[in-house]
Amino acid sequence: MSDATTRAAPAKPNRGYGRWTPAWFLAPAVLTLLLIGIYPTLFALVTSFRRYNITRPRDGFPFIGFENYVNVLTDSTFWSSLLLTAKFYVTVLPIQVVLGLVVALLLHKPGMGMLKSLARVTLVVPLATTYAVVGLIGRLIFNRDFGVANQFLGFVGFGPIDWLSTPNGAFAAIVIMDVWQWTPFCALIFLAGLSMVPGEIEEAARLETSSKLALLRHVQLPYLLPGLTAVMILRSADVLKLFDMVFVMTRGGPGSATDLISIYIQRVGFRIFDLGTASAQAILLLILTIIISRLYIRLLYREVH
């Protein structure tokens, strides 16, 4: 048989695939990113350097340099809201990480296959619930007259609490609802990390020691650190922009008890209509998010070799 007959025939070009075909497939995603991601960010950046009050269009929108940033950094209410947001963050995150780790370790144990599958499906329900709906659920749960929380307290002998009308009660209510919604996210991330632990290494470690804490620290923790880093970064960004759930539940009240930084920015931008100052606040939060993310990556993230 000759070389000509044994040589593979050249592949026929696909008439439906041209030079620009990959670009056409990518175009919808790129355009969507530009419209809902890049353009609003650039608009906010430009607006932050202008006096931009939409209730006085006749005054124009003059360029004022860093005046908005100076006003924001010298605004005591801005710093109070930011400190309250930090308090909220350091309250909810440890609870979510610990509970999520406990749930992940329970689901990682061998056995109970059907029950574990049902639990994994159940964990997705809070994540699939939108923030506004979580806020509505919170208003029903913590209602003073017919809320589930006060009914449960009545069963154990405690009187009704006016959750949403007292500073401590309202803050505790939004903490509980955020923990309910995002603990499953932490559990699923940690469960994915535990699934990466080599089975033979984990089994050998179980034979060497009966201490679950030692097993977690020396064998499982290195595989959990990348997921923990992702949780810290995503939850930091999420808390800084948390608006819907808190606004639906408390409107930032009573007083300023739940006036998180996103609630304050919304009030400046859409009640006072000072979009220049609100944009400067948003850009500062973006910079803060980037700094926090870089710190988490430097301090926590470790490659597993």
C-alpha atoms as a PDB file:
ATOM      1  CA  MET A   1       0.000   0.000   0.000  1.00  0.00           C
ATOM      2  CA  SER A   2       1.464   3.356  -1.049  1.00  0.00           C
ATOM      3  CA  ASP A   3       2.211   6.245   1.256  1.00  0.00           C
ATOM      4  CA  ALA A   4      -0.391   8.321  -0.577  1.00  0.00           C
ATOM      5  CA  THR A   5      -3.186   5.959   0.399  1.00  0.00           C
ATOM      6  CA  THR A   6      -2.040   5.547   3.988  1.00  0.00           C
ATOM      7  CA  ARG A   7      -1.625   9.251   4.544  1.00  0.00           C
ATOM      8  CA  ALA A   8      -4.620  10.651   6.481  1.00  0.00           C
ATOM      9  CA  ALA A   9      -6.943  12.762   4.431  1.00  0.00           C
ATOM     10  CA  PRO A  10      -6.937  16.440   5.355  1.00  0.00           C
ATOM     11  CA  ALA A  11      -9.853  17.539   7.517  1.00  0.00           C
ATOM     12  CA  LYS A  12     -12.522  19.433   5.663  1.00  0.00           C
ATOM     13  CA  PRO A  13     -13.077  22.972   6.879  1.00  0.00           C
ATOM     14  CA  ASN A  14     -16.322  23.585   8.705  1.00  0.00           C
ATOM     15  CA  ARG A  15     -18.311  26.116   6.732  1.00  0.00           C
ATOM     16  CA  GLY A  16     -20.113  27.301   9.858  1.00  0.00           C
ATOM     17  CA  TYR A  17     -16.884  28.127  11.710  1.00  0.00           C
ATOM     18  CA  GLY A  18     -14.975  31.200  10.664  1.00  0.00           C
ATOM     19  CA  ARG A  19     -12.246  33.430  11.951  1.00  0.00           C
ATOM     20  CA  TRP A  20     -14.628  35.563  14.025  1.00  0.00           C
ATOM     21  CA  THR A  21     -16.774  32.720  15.401  1.00  0.00           C
ATOM     22  CA  PRO A  22     -15.118  32.706  18.874  1.00  0.00           C
ATOM     23  CA  ALA A  23     -15.579  36.481  19.086  1.00  0.00           C
ATOM     24  CA  TRP A  24     -19.305  36.184  18.341  1.00  0.00           C
ATOM     25  CA  PHE A  25     -19.711  33.581  21.086  1.00  0.00           C
ATOM     26  CA  LEU A  26     -17.872  35.787  23.600  1.00  0.00           C
ATOM     27  CA  ALA A  27     -19.577  39.028  22.570  1.00  0.00           C
ATOM     28  CA  PRO A  28     -22.792  38.664  24.669  1.00  0.00           C
ATOM     29  CA  ALA A  29     -20.839  37.966  27.872  1.00  0.00           C
ATOM     30  CA  VAL A  30     -18.366  40.793  27.204  1.00  0.00           C
ATOM     31  CA  LEU A  31     -21.141  43.287  26.393  1.00  0.00           C
ATOM     32  CA  THR A  32     -23.073  42.287  29.525  1.00  0.00           C
ATOM     33  CA  LEU A  33     -19.936  42.740  31.656  1.00  0.00           C
ATOM     34  CA  LEU A  34     -19.326  46.157  30.116  1.00  0.00           C
ATOM     35  CA  LEU A  35     -22.924  47.297  30.636  1.00  0.00           C
ATOM     36  CA  ILE A  36     -23.539  46.089  34.198  1.00  0.00           C
ATOM     37  CA  GLY A  37     -19.987  45.976  35.556  1.00  0.00           C
ATOM     38  CA  ILE A  38     -17.394  48.176  33.930  1.00  0.00           C
ATOM     39  CA  TYR A  39     -19.538  51.120  32.835  1.00  0.00           C
ATOM     40  CA  PRO A  40     -21.236  51.723  36.253  1.00  0.00           C
ATOM     41  CA  THR A  41     -17.839  51.556  37.959  1.00  0.00           C
ATOM     42  CA  LEU A  42     -16.294  54.061  35.554  1.00  0.00           C
ATOM     43  CA  PHE A  43     -19.360  56.305  35.841  1.00  0.00           C
ATOM     44  CA  ALA A  44     -19.113  56.248  39.637  1.00  0.00           C
ATOM     45  CA  LEU A  45     -15.386  57.026  39.441  1.00  0.00           C
ATOM     46  CA  VAL A  46     -15.981  60.049  37.185  1.00  0.00           C
ATOM     47  CA  THR A  47     -18.965  61.206  39.248  1.00  0.00           C
ATOM     48  CA  SER A  48     -16.952  61.039  42.468  1.00  0.00           C
ATOM     49  CA  PHE A  49     -14.810  63.945  41.209  1.00  0.00           C
ATOM     50  CA  ARG A  50     -17.823  66.158  40.424  1.00  0.00           C
ATOM     51  CA  ARG A  51     -20.471  68.077  42.310  1.00  0.00           C
ATOM     52  CA  TYR A  52     -23.325  65.891  41.082  1.00  0.00           C
ATOM     53  CA  ASN A  53     -26.714  66.654  42.636  1.00  0.00           C
ATOM     54  CA  ILE A  54     -29.525  65.562  40.324  1.00  0.00           C
ATOM     55  CA  THR A  55     -32.060  67.850  42.039  1.00  0.00           C
ATOM     56  CA  ARG A  56     -30.136  70.927  40.810  1.00  0.00           C
ATOM     57  CA  PRO A  57     -29.343  70.222  37.151  1.00  0.00           C
ATOM     58  CA  ARG A  58     -29.158  73.951  36.351  1.00  0.00           C
ATOM     59  CA  ASP A  59     -26.022  74.210  38.484  1.00  0.00           C
ATOM     60  CA  GLY A  60     -24.322  71.714  36.202  1.00  0.00           C
ATOM     61  CA  PHE A  61     -21.908  69.031  37.311  1.00  0.00           C
ATOM     62  CA  PRO A  62     -18.580  70.841  37.752  1.00  0.00           C
ATOM     63  CA  PHE A  63     -15.293  69.070  38.384  1.00  0.00           C
ATOM     64  CA  ILE A  64     -14.246  69.599  42.033  1.00  0.00           C
ATOM     65  CA  GLY A  65     -11.267  67.260  42.365  1.00  0.00           C
ATOM     66  CA  PHE A  66     -10.990  65.378  45.642  1.00  0.00           C
ATOM     67  CA  GLU A  67     -13.492  67.534  47.541  1.00  0.00           C
ATOM     68  CA  ASN A  68     -16.058  64.706  47.748  1.00  0.00           C
ATOM     69  CA  TYR A  69     -13.420  62.340  49.128  1.00  0.00           C
ATOM     70  CA  VAL A  70     -12.355  64.882  51.746  1.00  0.00           C
ATOM     71  CA  ASN A  71     -15.989  65.364  52.783  1.00  0.00           C
ATOM     72  CA  VAL A  72     -16.477  61.619  53.081  1.00  0.00           C
ATOM     73  CA  LEU A  73     -13.313  61.040  55.115  1.00  0.00           C
ATOM     74  CA  THR A  74     -14.285  63.833  57.530  1.00  0.00           C
ATOM     75  CA  ASP A  75     -17.903  62.665  57.850  1.00  0.00           C
ATOM     76  CA  SER A  76     -18.472  61.171  61.306  1.00  0.00           C
ATOM     77  CA  THR A  77     -21.670  59.420  60.190  1.00  0.00           C
ATOM     78  CA  PHE A  78     -19.771  57.628  57.436  1.00  0.00           C
ATOM     79  CA  TRP A  79     -17.225  56.326  59.932  1.00  0.00           C
ATOM     80  CA  SER A  80     -19.977  55.311  62.377  1.00  0.00           C
ATOM     81  CA  SER A  81     -21.720  53.301  59.658  1.00  0.00           C
ATOM     82  CA  LEU A  82     -18.421  51.728  58.608  1.00  0.00           C
ATOM     83  CA  LEU A  83     -17.614  50.740  62.197  1.00  0.00           C
ATOM     84  CA  LEU A  84     -21.113  49.270  62.587  1.00  0.00           C
ATOM     85  CA  THR A  85     -20.551  47.291  59.391  1.00  0.00           C
ATOM     86  CA  ALA A  86     -17.235  46.033  60.792  1.00  0.00           C
ATOM     87  CA  LYS A  87     -19.029  45.017  64.007  1.00  0.00           C
ATOM     88  CA  PHE A  88     -21.614  43.138  61.946  1.00  0.00           C
ATOM     89  CA  TYR A  89     -18.859  41.428  59.949  1.00  0.00           C
ATOM     90  CA  VAL A  90     -16.819  40.258  62.938  1.00  0.00           C
ATOM     91  CA  THR A  91     -20.057  38.983  64.514  1.00  0.00           C
ATOM     92  CA  VAL A  92     -21.478  36.960  61.635  1.00  0.00           C
ATOM     93  CA  LEU A  93     -18.305  35.620  60.006  1.00  0.00           C
ATOM     94  CA  PRO A  94     -16.914  33.555  62.944  1.00  0.00           C
ATOM     95  CA  ILE A  95     -20.360  32.039  63.519  1.00  0.00           C
ATOM     96  CA  GLN A  96     -20.747  31.160  59.842  1.00  0.00           C
ATOM     97  CA  VAL A  97     -17.237  29.704  59.567  1.00  0.00           C
ATOM     98  CA  VAL A  98     -17.554  27.563  62.715  1.00  0.00           C
ATOM     99  CA  LEU A  99     -21.072  26.313  61.954  1.00  0.00           C
ATOM    100  CA  GLY A 100     -20.182  25.753  58.307  1.00  0.00           C
ATOM    101  CA  LEU A 101     -17.105  23.734  59.300  1.00  0.00           C
ATOM    102  CA  VAL A 102     -19.128  21.625  61.733  1.00  0.00           C
ATOM    103  CA  VAL A 103     -21.765  20.885  59.075  1.00  0.00           C
ATOM    104  CA  ALA A 104     -19.072  20.069  56.494  1.00  0.00           C
ATOM    105  CA  LEU A 105     -17.307  17.670  58.874  1.00  0.00           C
ATOM    106  CA  LEU A 106     -20.594  15.918  59.652  1.00  0.00           C
ATOM    107  CA  LEU A 107     -21.398  15.530  55.952  1.00  0.00           C
ATOM    108  CA  HIS A 108     -17.850  14.338  55.284  1.00  0.00           C
ATOM    109  CA  LYS A 109     -18.176  11.390  57.647  1.00  0.00           C
ATOM    110  CA  PRO A 110     -18.693   8.031  55.905  1.00  0.00           C
ATOM    111  CA  GLY A 111     -22.149   6.491  55.849  1.00  0.00           C
ATOM    112  CA  MET A 112     -25.683   7.916  55.799  1.00  0.00           C
ATOM    113  CA  GLY A 113     -25.590   8.351  52.024  1.00  0.00           C
ATOM    114  CA  MET A 114     -29.253   9.246  51.440  1.00  0.00           C
ATOM    115  CA  LEU A 115     -29.403  11.580  54.434  1.00  0.00           C
ATOM    116  CA  LYS A 116     -26.220  13.360  53.351  1.00  0.00           C
ATOM    117  CA  SER A 117     -27.552  13.854  49.834  1.00  0.00           C
ATOM    118  CA  LEU A 118     -30.765  15.339  51.230  1.00  0.00           C
ATOM    119  CA  ALA A 119     -28.748  17.621  53.507  1.00  0.00           C
ATOM    120  CA  ARG A 120     -26.676  18.897  50.561  1.00  0.00           C
ATOM    121  CA  VAL A 121     -29.837  19.759  48.654  1.00  0.00           C
ATOM    122  CA  THR A 122     -31.281  21.498  51.710  1.00  0.00           C
ATOM    123  CA  LEU A 123     -28.163  23.644  52.059  1.00  0.00           C
ATOM    124  CA  VAL A 124     -28.820  25.212  48.674  1.00  0.00           C
ATOM    125  CA  VAL A 125     -32.241  26.599  49.680  1.00  0.00           C
ATOM    126  CA  PRO A 126     -31.006  29.605  51.716  1.00  0.00           C
ATOM    127  CA  LEU A 127     -28.467  30.476  49.017  1.00  0.00           C
ATOM    128  CA  ALA A 128     -31.173  30.427  46.350  1.00  0.00           C
ATOM    129  CA  THR A 129     -33.316  32.851  48.362  1.00  0.00           C
ATOM    130  CA  THR A 130     -32.906  36.487  47.342  1.00  0.00           C
ATOM    131  CA  TYR A 131     -31.924  39.108  49.899  1.00  0.00           C
ATOM    132  CA  ALA A 132     -35.285  40.878  49.758  1.00  0.00           C
ATOM    133  CA  VAL A 133     -37.152  37.634  50.423  1.00  0.00           C
ATOM    134  CA  VAL A 134     -34.805  36.885  53.330  1.00  0.00           C
ATOM    135  CA  GLY A 135     -35.699  40.313  54.725  1.00  0.00           C
ATOM    136  CA  LEU A 136     -39.419  39.583  54.411  1.00  0.00           C
ATOM    137  CA  ILE A 137     -38.943  36.227  56.125  1.00  0.00           C
ATOM    138  CA  GLY A 138     -37.027  38.018  58.887  1.00  0.00           C
ATOM    139  CA  ARG A 139     -39.857  40.504  59.399  1.00  0.00           C
ATOM    140  CA  LEU A 140     -42.278  37.604  59.839  1.00  0.00           C
ATOM    141  CA  ILE A 141     -40.000  35.601  62.137  1.00  0.00           C
ATOM    142  CA  PHE A 142     -39.216  38.547  64.434  1.00  0.00           C
ATOM    143  CA  ASN A 143     -42.651  40.135  64.486  1.00  0.00           C
ATOM    144  CA  ARG A 144     -43.556  40.962  68.080  1.00  0.00           C
ATOM    145  CA  ASP A 145     -47.151  39.713  67.965  1.00  0.00           C
ATOM    146  CA  PHE A 146     -47.118  36.575  65.779  1.00  0.00           C
ATOM    147  CA  GLY A 147     -43.466  35.952  64.989  1.00  0.00           C
ATOM    148  CA  VAL A 148     -41.973  32.473  65.296  1.00  0.00           C
ATOM    149  CA  ALA A 149     -39.085  33.772  67.424  1.00  0.00           C
ATOM    150  CA  ASN A 150     -41.350  35.065  70.182  1.00  0.00           C
ATOM    151  CA  GLN A 151     -43.515  31.949  70.040  1.00  0.00           C
ATOM    152  CA  PHE A 152     -40.423  29.820  70.577  1.00  0.00           C
ATOM    153  CA  LEU A 153     -39.325  32.046  73.478  1.00  0.00           C
ATOM    154  CA  GLY A 154     -42.799  31.626  74.981  1.00  0.00           C
ATOM    155  CA  PHE A 155     -42.370  27.839  74.950  1.00  0.00           C
ATOM    156  CA  VAL A 156     -39.206  28.108  77.071  1.00  0.00           C
ATOM    157  CA  GLY A 157     -40.728  30.615  79.486  1.00  0.00           C
ATOM    158  CA  PHE A 158     -39.493  33.977  78.192  1.00  0.00           C
ATOM    159  CA  GLY A 159     -41.691  36.936  77.419  1.00  0.00           C
ATOM    160  CA  PRO A 160     -42.075  38.435  73.960  1.00  0.00           C
ATOM    161  CA  ILE A 161     -39.243  40.638  72.684  1.00  0.00           C
ATOM    162  CA  ASP A 162     -39.827  43.633  70.463  1.00  0.00           C
ATOM    163  CA  TRP A 163     -37.017  42.585  68.152  1.00  0.00           C
ATOM    164  CA  LEU A 164     -37.244  45.146  65.368  1.00  0.00           C
ATOM    165  CA  SER A 165     -38.024  48.143  67.581  1.00  0.00           C
ATOM    166  CA  THR A 166     -35.006  47.973  69.885  1.00  0.00           C
ATOM    167  CA  PRO A 167     -31.371  48.575  68.836  1.00  0.00           C
ATOM    168  CA  ASN A 168     -29.958  45.325  70.211  1.00  0.00           C
ATOM    169  CA  GLY A 169     -32.930  43.265  69.032  1.00  0.00           C
ATOM    170  CA  ALA A 170     -32.794  44.644  65.484  1.00  0.00           C
ATOM    171  CA  PHE A 171     -29.044  44.072  65.235  1.00  0.00           C
ATOM    172  CA  ALA A 172     -29.426  40.518  66.547  1.00  0.00           C
ATOM    173  CA  ALA A 173     -32.229  39.885  64.047  1.00  0.00           C
ATOM    174  CA  ILE A 174     -30.181  40.837  60.988  1.00  0.00           C
ATOM    175  CA  VAL A 175     -27.244  38.806  62.348  1.00  0.00           C
ATOM    176  CA  ILE A 176     -29.433  35.712  62.705  1.00  0.00           C
ATOM    177  CA  MET A 177     -30.876  36.062  59.210  1.00  0.00           C
ATOM    178  CA  ASP A 178     -27.442  36.556  57.637  1.00  0.00           C
ATOM    179  CA  VAL A 179     -26.092  33.521  59.497  1.00  0.00           C
ATOM    180  CA  TRP A 180     -29.074  31.474  58.296  1.00  0.00           C
ATOM    181  CA  GLN A 181     -28.506  32.463  54.683  1.00  0.00           C
ATOM    182  CA  TRP A 182     -24.711  32.155  54.422  1.00  0.00           C
ATOM    183  CA  THR A 183     -23.730  29.331  56.779  1.00  0.00           C
ATOM    184  CA  PRO A 184     -24.708  26.791  54.065  1.00  0.00           C
ATOM    185  CA  PHE A 185     -22.372  28.572  51.643  1.00  0.00           C
ATOM    186  CA  CYS A 186     -19.461  28.116  54.065  1.00  0.00           C
ATOM    187  CA  ALA A 187     -20.452  24.481  54.617  1.00  0.00           C
ATOM    188  CA  LEU A 188     -20.477  23.712  50.886  1.00  0.00           C
ATOM    189  CA  ILE A 189     -17.101  25.404  50.344  1.00  0.00           C
ATOM    190  CA  PHE A 190     -15.531  23.489  53.234  1.00  0.00           C
ATOM    191  CA  LEU A 191     -17.124  20.249  52.069  1.00  0.00           C
ATOM    192  CA  ALA A 192     -15.521  20.754  48.668  1.00  0.00           C
ATOM    193  CA  GLY A 193     -12.161  21.276  50.402  1.00  0.00           C
ATOM    194  CA  LEU A 194     -12.566  18.121  52.482  1.00  0.00           C
ATOM    195  CA  SER A 195     -13.353  16.120  49.357  1.00  0.00           C
ATOM    196  CA  MET A 196      -9.882  17.034  48.058  1.00  0.00           C
ATOM    197  CA  VAL A 197      -8.106  15.299  50.970  1.00  0.00           C
ATOM    198  CA  PRO A 198      -6.567  12.030  49.674  1.00  0.00           C
ATOM    199  CA  GLY A 199      -8.492   9.131  51.169  1.00  0.00           C
ATOM    200  CA  GLU A 200      -5.410   7.054  51.985  1.00  0.00           C
ATOM    201  CA  ILE A 201      -3.761   9.930  53.877  1.00  0.00           C
ATOM    202  CA  GLU A 202      -6.910  10.639  55.880  1.00  0.00           C
ATOM    203  CA  GLU A 203      -7.409   6.956  56.672  1.00  0.00           C
ATOM    204  CA  ALA A 204      -3.787   6.598  57.803  1.00  0.00           C
ATOM    205  CA  ALA A 205      -4.158   9.652  60.024  1.00  0.00           C
ATOM    206  CA  ARG A 206      -7.304   8.193  61.596  1.00  0.00           C
ATOM    207  CA  LEU A 207      -5.356   5.044  62.453  1.00  0.00           C
ATOM    208  CA  GLU A 208      -2.496   7.053  63.953  1.00  0.00           C
ATOM    209  CA  THR A 209      -4.621   9.250  66.214  1.00  0.00           C
ATOM    210  CA  SER A 210      -8.097   9.256  67.673  1.00  0.00           C
ATOM    211  CA  SER A 211      -8.082  13.035  68.119  1.00  0.00           C
ATOM    212  CA  LYS A 212     -10.416  14.675  65.604  1.00  0.00           C
ATOM    213  CA  LEU A 213      -8.839  18.030  66.394  1.00  0.00           C
ATOM    214  CA  ALA A 214      -5.374  16.739  65.451  1.00  0.00           C
ATOM    215  CA  LEU A 215      -6.800  15.245  62.264  1.00  0.00           C
ATOM    216  CA  LEU A 216      -8.406  18.562  61.377  1.00  0.00           C
ATOM    217  CA  ARG A 217      -5.297  20.607  62.141  1.00  0.00           C
ATOM    218  CA  HIS A 218      -2.604  18.503  60.504  1.00  0.00           C
ATOM    219  CA  VAL A 219      -4.393  16.739  57.641  1.00  0.00           C
ATOM    220  CA  GLN A 220      -7.612  18.518  56.663  1.00  0.00           C
ATOM    221  CA  LEU A 221      -6.782  22.162  57.400  1.00  0.00           C
ATOM    222  CA  PRO A 222      -4.277  22.619  54.520  1.00  0.00           C
ATOM    223  CA  TYR A 223      -7.022  21.620  52.087  1.00  0.00           C
ATOM    224  CA  LEU A 224      -9.520  23.960  53.787  1.00  0.00           C
ATOM    225  CA  LEU A 225      -7.366  27.101  53.626  1.00  0.00           C
ATOM    226  CA  PRO A 226      -8.062  27.943  49.954  1.00  0.00           C
ATOM    227  CA  GLY A 227     -11.787  27.627  50.581  1.00  0.00           C
ATOM    228  CA  LEU A 228     -11.516  29.638  53.784  1.00  0.00           C
ATOM    229  CA  THR A 229      -9.720  32.394  51.869  1.00  0.00           C
ATOM    230  CA  ALA A 230     -12.504  32.447  49.284  1.00  0.00           C
ATOM    231  CA  VAL A 231     -15.140  32.594  52.027  1.00  0.00           C
ATOM    232  CA  MET A 232     -13.408  35.520  53.750  1.00  0.00           C
ATOM    233  CA  ILE A 233     -13.011  37.483  50.520  1.00  0.00           C
ATOM    234  CA  LEU A 234     -16.539  36.896  49.243  1.00  0.00           C
ATOM    235  CA  ARG A 235     -18.190  37.559  52.589  1.00  0.00           C
ATOM    236  CA  SER A 236     -16.150  40.736  53.097  1.00  0.00           C
ATOM    237  CA  ALA A 237     -17.339  42.119  49.770  1.00  0.00           C
ATOM    238  CA  ASP A 238     -20.868  40.910  50.431  1.00  0.00           C
ATOM    239  CA  VAL A 239     -21.161  42.515  53.873  1.00  0.00           C
ATOM    240  CA  LEU A 240     -19.838  45.843  52.575  1.00  0.00           C
ATOM    241  CA  LYS A 241     -22.596  45.915  49.944  1.00  0.00           C
ATOM    242  CA  LEU A 242     -25.330  44.259  52.022  1.00  0.00           C
ATOM    243  CA  PHE A 243     -28.455  46.339  51.485  1.00  0.00           C
ATOM    244  CA  ASP A 244     -31.640  44.503  50.480  1.00  0.00           C
ATOM    245  CA  MET A 245     -32.117  42.276  53.517  1.00  0.00           C
ATOM    246  CA  VAL A 246     -31.366  44.990  56.074  1.00  0.00           C
ATOM    247  CA  PHE A 247     -33.430  47.621  54.255  1.00  0.00           C
ATOM    248  CA  VAL A 248     -36.483  45.355  54.060  1.00  0.00           C
ATOM    249  CA  MET A 249     -36.213  44.303  57.705  1.00  0.00           C
ATOM    250  CA  THR A 250     -35.290  47.512  59.522  1.00  0.00           C
ATOM    251  CA  ARG A 251     -34.713  50.391  57.048  1.00  0.00           C
ATOM    252  CA  GLY A 252     -31.474  50.932  58.986  1.00  0.00           C
ATOM    253  CA  GLY A 253     -33.316  51.518  62.257  1.00  0.00           C
ATOM    254  CA  PRO A 254     -34.363  51.835  64.926  1.00  0.00           C
ATOM    255  CA  GLY A 255     -32.349  55.029  64.943  1.00  0.00           C
ATOM    256  CA  SER A 256     -29.005  54.024  63.462  1.00  0.00           C
ATOM    257  CA  ALA A 257     -28.809  50.585  65.088  1.00  0.00           C
ATOM    258  CA  THR A 258     -28.634  48.756  61.751  1.00  0.00           C
ATOM    259  CA  ASP A 259     -27.456  51.639  59.573  1.00  0.00           C
ATOM    260  CA  LEU A 260     -24.802  49.666  57.683  1.00  0.00           C
ATOM    261  CA  ILE A 261     -22.553  51.470  55.240  1.00  0.00           C
ATOM    262  CA  SER A 262     -24.622  50.432  52.203  1.00  0.00           C
ATOM    263  CA  ILE A 263     -27.778  51.825  53.813  1.00  0.00           C
ATOM    264  CA  TYR A 264     -26.007  55.129  54.468  1.00  0.00           C
ATOM    265  CA  ILE A 265     -24.696  55.349  50.892  1.00  0.00           C
ATOM    266  CA  GLN A 266     -28.193  54.689  49.549  1.00  0.00           C
ATOM    267  CA  ARG A 267     -29.574  57.468  51.737  1.00  0.00           C
ATOM    268  CA  VAL A 268     -26.947  59.948  50.540  1.00  0.00           C
ATOM    269  CA  GLY A 269     -27.397  59.008  46.896  1.00  0.00           C
ATOM    270  CA  PHE A 270     -31.137  58.499  46.599  1.00  0.00           C
ATOM    271  CA  ARG A 271     -32.667  60.571  49.390  1.00  0.00           C
ATOM    272  CA  ILE A 272     -30.331  63.553  49.471  1.00  0.00           C
ATOM    273  CA  PHE A 273     -29.533  62.940  45.773  1.00  0.00           C
ATOM    274  CA  ASP A 274     -25.871  63.820  46.249  1.00  0.00           C
ATOM    275  CA  LEU A 275     -24.511  61.301  43.757  1.00  0.00           C
ATOM    276  CA  GLY A 276     -21.019  62.789  43.842  1.00  0.00           C
ATOM    277  CA  THR A 277     -20.566  62.064  47.542  1.00  0.00           C
ATOM    278  CA  ALA A 278     -22.277  58.679  47.282  1.00  0.00           C
ATOM    279  CA  SER A 279     -19.979  57.705  44.395  1.00  0.00           C
ATOM    280  CA  ALA A 280     -16.914  58.727  46.396  1.00  0.00           C
ATOM    281  CA  GLN A 281     -18.127  56.542  49.271  1.00  0.00           C
ATOM    282  CA  ALA A 282     -18.660  53.607  46.909  1.00  0.00           C
ATOM    283  CA  ILE A 283     -15.182  53.978  45.366  1.00  0.00           C
ATOM    284  CA  LEU A 284     -13.621  54.047  48.827  1.00  0.00           C
ATOM    285  CA  LEU A 285     -15.462  50.833  49.696  1.00  0.00           C
ATOM    286  CA  LEU A 286     -14.170  49.255  46.482  1.00  0.00           C
ATOM    287  CA  ILE A 287     -10.603  50.191  47.435  1.00  0.00           C
ATOM    288  CA  LEU A 288     -11.176  48.828  50.955  1.00  0.00           C
ATOM    289  CA  THR A 289     -12.498  45.547  49.526  1.00  0.00           C
ATOM    290  CA  ILE A 290      -9.421  45.150  47.314  1.00  0.00           C
ATOM    291  CA  ILE A 291      -7.074  45.831  50.255  1.00  0.00           C
ATOM    292  CA  ILE A 292      -8.890  43.330  52.501  1.00  0.00           C
ATOM    293  CA  SER A 293      -8.854  40.697  49.751  1.00  0.00           C
ATOM    294  CA  ARG A 294      -5.119  41.084  49.220  1.00  0.00           C
ATOM    295  CA  LEU A 295      -4.511  40.767  52.973  1.00  0.00           C
ATOM    296  CA  TYR A 296      -6.558  37.564  53.170  1.00  0.00           C
ATOM    297  CA  ILE A 297      -4.687  36.059  50.229  1.00  0.00           C
ATOM    298  CA  ARG A 298      -1.308  36.946  51.765  1.00  0.00           C
ATOM    299  CA  LEU A 299      -2.184  35.739  55.279  1.00  0.00           C
ATOM    300  CA  LEU A 300      -4.391  32.701  54.684  1.00  0.00           C
ATOM    301  CA  TYR A 301      -3.969  31.244  51.228  1.00  0.00           C
ATOM    302  CA  ARG A 302      -1.596  28.316  50.965  1.00  0.00           C
ATOM    303  CA  GLU A 303      -1.012  25.943  48.074  1.00  0.00           C
ATOM    304  CA  VAL A 304      -1.347  22.244  48.889  1.00  0.00           C
ATOM    305  CA  HIS A 305       1.667  20.321  47.559  1.00  0.00           C
END
